[in-house]
N, C-alpha and C. Protein backbone atom coordinates (compact mmCIF):
# COMPACT_ATOMS: atom_id res chain seq x y z
N HIS A 1 -24.45 50.86 34.26
CA HIS A 1 -25.25 50.85 35.46
C HIS A 1 -24.69 51.86 36.45
N PRO A 2 -25.38 52.95 36.66
CA PRO A 2 -24.86 54.00 37.53
C PRO A 2 -24.82 53.60 39.01
N ASP A 3 -25.60 52.61 39.41
CA ASP A 3 -25.64 52.21 40.82
C ASP A 3 -24.56 51.20 41.17
N ILE A 4 -23.83 50.72 40.18
CA ILE A 4 -22.81 49.70 40.42
C ILE A 4 -21.44 50.33 40.35
N GLY A 5 -20.60 50.00 41.31
CA GLY A 5 -19.24 50.53 41.33
C GLY A 5 -18.22 49.41 41.26
N ILE A 6 -16.96 49.79 41.28
CA ILE A 6 -15.88 48.81 41.26
C ILE A 6 -14.83 49.27 42.27
N THR A 7 -14.34 48.33 43.04
CA THR A 7 -13.36 48.69 44.06
C THR A 7 -12.02 49.00 43.41
N LYS A 8 -11.19 49.67 44.14
CA LYS A 8 -9.86 50.02 43.64
C LYS A 8 -9.05 48.77 43.33
N LYS A 9 -9.18 47.75 44.18
CA LYS A 9 -8.46 46.50 43.96
C LYS A 9 -8.95 45.81 42.69
N SER A 10 -10.25 45.78 42.48
CA SER A 10 -10.82 45.17 41.28
C SER A 10 -10.40 45.93 40.03
N MET A 11 -10.35 47.25 40.11
CA MET A 11 -9.92 48.07 38.98
C MET A 11 -8.46 47.77 38.65
N GLY A 12 -7.64 47.57 39.67
CA GLY A 12 -6.24 47.21 39.46
C GLY A 12 -6.10 45.87 38.76
N ILE A 13 -6.93 44.90 39.15
CA ILE A 13 -6.91 43.58 38.52
C ILE A 13 -7.33 43.69 37.05
N MET A 14 -8.39 44.45 36.78
CA MET A 14 -8.83 44.63 35.39
C MET A 14 -7.76 45.34 34.57
N ASN A 15 -7.10 46.32 35.14
CA ASN A 15 -6.03 47.03 34.45
C ASN A 15 -4.89 46.08 34.09
N ASP A 16 -4.50 45.24 35.05
CA ASP A 16 -3.44 44.25 34.79
C ASP A 16 -3.85 43.28 33.69
N PHE A 17 -5.12 42.87 33.69
CA PHE A 17 -5.64 41.97 32.66
C PHE A 17 -5.54 42.61 31.28
N VAL A 18 -5.97 43.86 31.18
CA VAL A 18 -5.94 44.55 29.89
C VAL A 18 -4.50 44.74 29.41
N ILE A 19 -3.61 45.12 30.30
CA ILE A 19 -2.20 45.28 29.93
C ILE A 19 -1.61 43.96 29.46
N ASP A 20 -1.91 42.87 30.16
CA ASP A 20 -1.42 41.55 29.77
C ASP A 20 -1.96 41.14 28.40
N MET A 21 -3.24 41.38 28.16
CA MET A 21 -3.84 41.01 26.89
C MET A 21 -3.24 41.83 25.74
N MET A 22 -3.04 43.12 25.97
CA MET A 22 -2.43 43.96 24.93
C MET A 22 -1.01 43.51 24.64
N ASP A 23 -0.28 43.11 25.68
CA ASP A 23 1.08 42.61 25.50
C ASP A 23 1.08 41.33 24.66
N LYS A 24 0.14 40.43 24.93
CA LYS A 24 0.05 39.18 24.16
C LYS A 24 -0.29 39.46 22.70
N LEU A 25 -1.24 40.37 22.47
CA LEU A 25 -1.62 40.72 21.10
C LEU A 25 -0.47 41.38 20.34
N ALA A 26 0.20 42.31 21.01
CA ALA A 26 1.32 43.01 20.37
C ALA A 26 2.47 42.05 20.06
N THR A 27 2.75 41.13 20.97
CA THR A 27 3.82 40.15 20.76
C THR A 27 3.49 39.25 19.58
N GLU A 28 2.26 38.80 19.51
CA GLU A 28 1.85 37.92 18.40
C GLU A 28 1.86 38.68 17.08
N ALA A 29 1.40 39.93 17.08
CA ALA A 29 1.40 40.74 15.86
C ALA A 29 2.84 40.99 15.39
N LYS A 30 3.73 41.25 16.32
CA LYS A 30 5.15 41.47 15.98
C LYS A 30 5.75 40.20 15.41
N HIS A 31 5.40 39.06 15.98
CA HIS A 31 5.87 37.78 15.47
C HIS A 31 5.40 37.58 14.03
N ASP A 32 4.13 37.90 13.77
CA ASP A 32 3.58 37.80 12.43
C ASP A 32 4.31 38.74 11.48
N LEU A 33 4.62 39.93 11.93
CA LEU A 33 5.36 40.90 11.13
C LEU A 33 6.75 40.37 10.80
N ASP A 34 7.41 39.77 11.78
CA ASP A 34 8.75 39.22 11.57
C ASP A 34 8.74 38.06 10.57
N ILE A 35 7.67 37.26 10.60
CA ILE A 35 7.58 36.11 9.69
C ILE A 35 7.49 36.59 8.23
N THR A 36 6.67 37.63 7.99
CA THR A 36 6.51 38.10 6.62
C THR A 36 7.80 38.73 6.12
N GLY A 37 8.50 39.47 6.98
CA GLY A 37 9.80 40.02 6.64
C GLY A 37 9.81 41.12 5.59
N ARG A 38 8.67 41.43 5.01
CA ARG A 38 8.63 42.44 3.95
C ARG A 38 8.38 43.84 4.49
N GLU A 39 7.76 43.93 5.64
CA GLU A 39 7.35 45.24 6.16
C GLU A 39 7.98 45.51 7.52
N THR A 40 7.95 46.77 7.91
CA THR A 40 8.42 47.15 9.25
C THR A 40 7.31 47.84 10.04
N THR A 41 6.13 47.96 9.45
CA THR A 41 5.00 48.62 10.10
C THR A 41 3.88 47.62 10.34
N LEU A 42 3.35 47.62 11.57
CA LEU A 42 2.20 46.77 11.86
C LEU A 42 0.99 47.30 11.11
N ARG A 43 0.28 46.42 10.48
CA ARG A 43 -0.93 46.77 9.74
C ARG A 43 -2.14 46.13 10.43
N GLU A 44 -3.32 46.53 9.98
CA GLU A 44 -4.55 46.01 10.56
C GLU A 44 -4.59 44.48 10.51
N TRP A 45 -4.14 43.90 9.41
CA TRP A 45 -4.24 42.44 9.28
C TRP A 45 -3.30 41.72 10.23
N HIS A 46 -2.17 42.35 10.63
CA HIS A 46 -1.30 41.74 11.64
C HIS A 46 -2.05 41.61 12.97
N LEU A 47 -2.76 42.67 13.34
CA LEU A 47 -3.50 42.65 14.60
C LEU A 47 -4.73 41.74 14.51
N ASN A 48 -5.36 41.67 13.35
CA ASN A 48 -6.48 40.73 13.18
C ASN A 48 -6.00 39.30 13.36
N THR A 49 -4.86 38.98 12.75
CA THR A 49 -4.31 37.63 12.88
C THR A 49 -3.95 37.34 14.32
N ALA A 50 -3.32 38.29 15.00
CA ALA A 50 -2.95 38.12 16.41
C ALA A 50 -4.20 37.90 17.26
N THR A 51 -5.24 38.66 17.00
CA THR A 51 -6.50 38.52 17.75
C THR A 51 -7.08 37.13 17.57
N LYS A 52 -7.05 36.64 16.33
CA LYS A 52 -7.59 35.30 16.06
C LYS A 52 -6.78 34.21 16.74
N LEU A 53 -5.48 34.43 16.90
CA LEU A 53 -4.62 33.42 17.53
C LEU A 53 -4.65 33.46 19.05
N VAL A 54 -4.86 34.65 19.62
CA VAL A 54 -4.76 34.82 21.08
C VAL A 54 -6.11 34.62 21.78
N LEU A 55 -7.17 35.16 21.22
CA LEU A 55 -8.47 35.12 21.90
C LEU A 55 -9.25 33.86 21.53
N PRO A 56 -10.01 33.31 22.49
CA PRO A 56 -10.80 32.12 22.22
C PRO A 56 -12.20 32.45 21.68
N GLY A 57 -12.75 31.53 20.91
CA GLY A 57 -14.14 31.51 20.47
C GLY A 57 -14.81 32.81 20.14
N GLU A 58 -15.85 33.11 20.89
CA GLU A 58 -16.68 34.29 20.63
C GLU A 58 -15.91 35.59 20.84
N LEU A 59 -14.98 35.61 21.77
CA LEU A 59 -14.16 36.82 21.98
C LEU A 59 -13.35 37.14 20.74
N LYS A 60 -12.90 36.11 20.04
CA LYS A 60 -12.14 36.29 18.80
C LYS A 60 -12.98 37.04 17.77
N LYS A 61 -14.23 36.60 17.59
CA LYS A 61 -15.11 37.22 16.60
C LYS A 61 -15.39 38.67 16.95
N HIS A 62 -15.70 38.92 18.23
CA HIS A 62 -15.98 40.28 18.66
C HIS A 62 -14.74 41.16 18.59
N GLY A 63 -13.60 40.60 18.93
CA GLY A 63 -12.35 41.37 18.88
C GLY A 63 -12.03 41.85 17.48
N VAL A 64 -12.13 40.95 16.51
CA VAL A 64 -11.87 41.31 15.12
C VAL A 64 -12.90 42.33 14.63
N SER A 65 -14.16 42.09 14.95
CA SER A 65 -15.24 42.99 14.53
C SER A 65 -15.05 44.40 15.10
N GLU A 66 -14.79 44.49 16.40
CA GLU A 66 -14.63 45.80 17.04
C GLU A 66 -13.36 46.50 16.57
N GLY A 67 -12.30 45.73 16.33
CA GLY A 67 -11.07 46.32 15.82
C GLY A 67 -11.25 46.89 14.43
N THR A 68 -11.95 46.15 13.57
CA THR A 68 -12.23 46.63 12.22
C THR A 68 -13.08 47.89 12.25
N LYS A 69 -14.06 47.90 13.14
CA LYS A 69 -14.93 49.08 13.28
C LYS A 69 -14.12 50.29 13.77
N ALA A 70 -13.20 50.07 14.70
CA ALA A 70 -12.38 51.16 15.21
C ALA A 70 -11.49 51.75 14.13
N ILE A 71 -10.89 50.88 13.30
CA ILE A 71 -10.06 51.35 12.19
C ILE A 71 -10.89 52.15 11.20
N ARG A 72 -12.07 51.65 10.88
CA ARG A 72 -12.96 52.35 9.94
C ARG A 72 -13.32 53.74 10.47
N ASN A 73 -13.68 53.82 11.77
CA ASN A 73 -14.02 55.11 12.36
C ASN A 73 -12.81 56.04 12.41
N PHE A 74 -11.65 55.51 12.72
CA PHE A 74 -10.43 56.31 12.76
C PHE A 74 -10.15 56.92 11.39
N ASN A 75 -10.20 56.09 10.35
CA ASN A 75 -9.93 56.57 9.00
C ASN A 75 -10.96 57.59 8.55
N ALA A 76 -12.23 57.39 8.90
CA ALA A 76 -13.27 58.35 8.54
C ALA A 76 -13.06 59.69 9.23
N ASN A 77 -12.69 59.65 10.51
CA ASN A 77 -12.44 60.90 11.24
C ASN A 77 -11.20 61.60 10.75
N ARG A 78 -10.20 60.83 10.36
CA ARG A 78 -8.96 61.42 9.86
C ARG A 78 -9.22 62.14 8.54
N LYS A 79 -10.06 61.57 7.67
CA LYS A 79 -10.41 62.21 6.42
C LYS A 79 -11.20 63.48 6.65
N ASP A 80 -12.08 63.47 7.67
CA ASP A 80 -12.89 64.65 7.98
C ASP A 80 -12.02 65.80 8.46
N THR A 81 -10.96 65.52 9.21
CA THR A 81 -10.12 66.59 9.75
C THR A 81 -9.16 67.15 8.70
N LYS A 82 -8.92 66.41 7.62
CA LYS A 82 -8.04 66.90 6.56
C LYS A 82 -8.73 67.89 5.64
N LYS A 83 -10.05 67.93 5.67
CA LYS A 83 -10.81 68.83 4.77
C LYS A 83 -10.65 70.27 5.18
């Protein structure tokens, strides 16, 4: 919506929210990585599991779906640039 804006204070609150959520997801994914003990690299499934544990209800479904789509697009673009 081009006619709608956001105040600087509101943008700061949203930024803090996103940083906090990313911290929670990363912490949970790292915990999952530590439990498996076999790997030292975070994989897509670590972040999917973290998303399912951290986010509630419908946000969980959308988070996993959008994350999977982002990985798919990243891998497709990476293959295109290697040609």
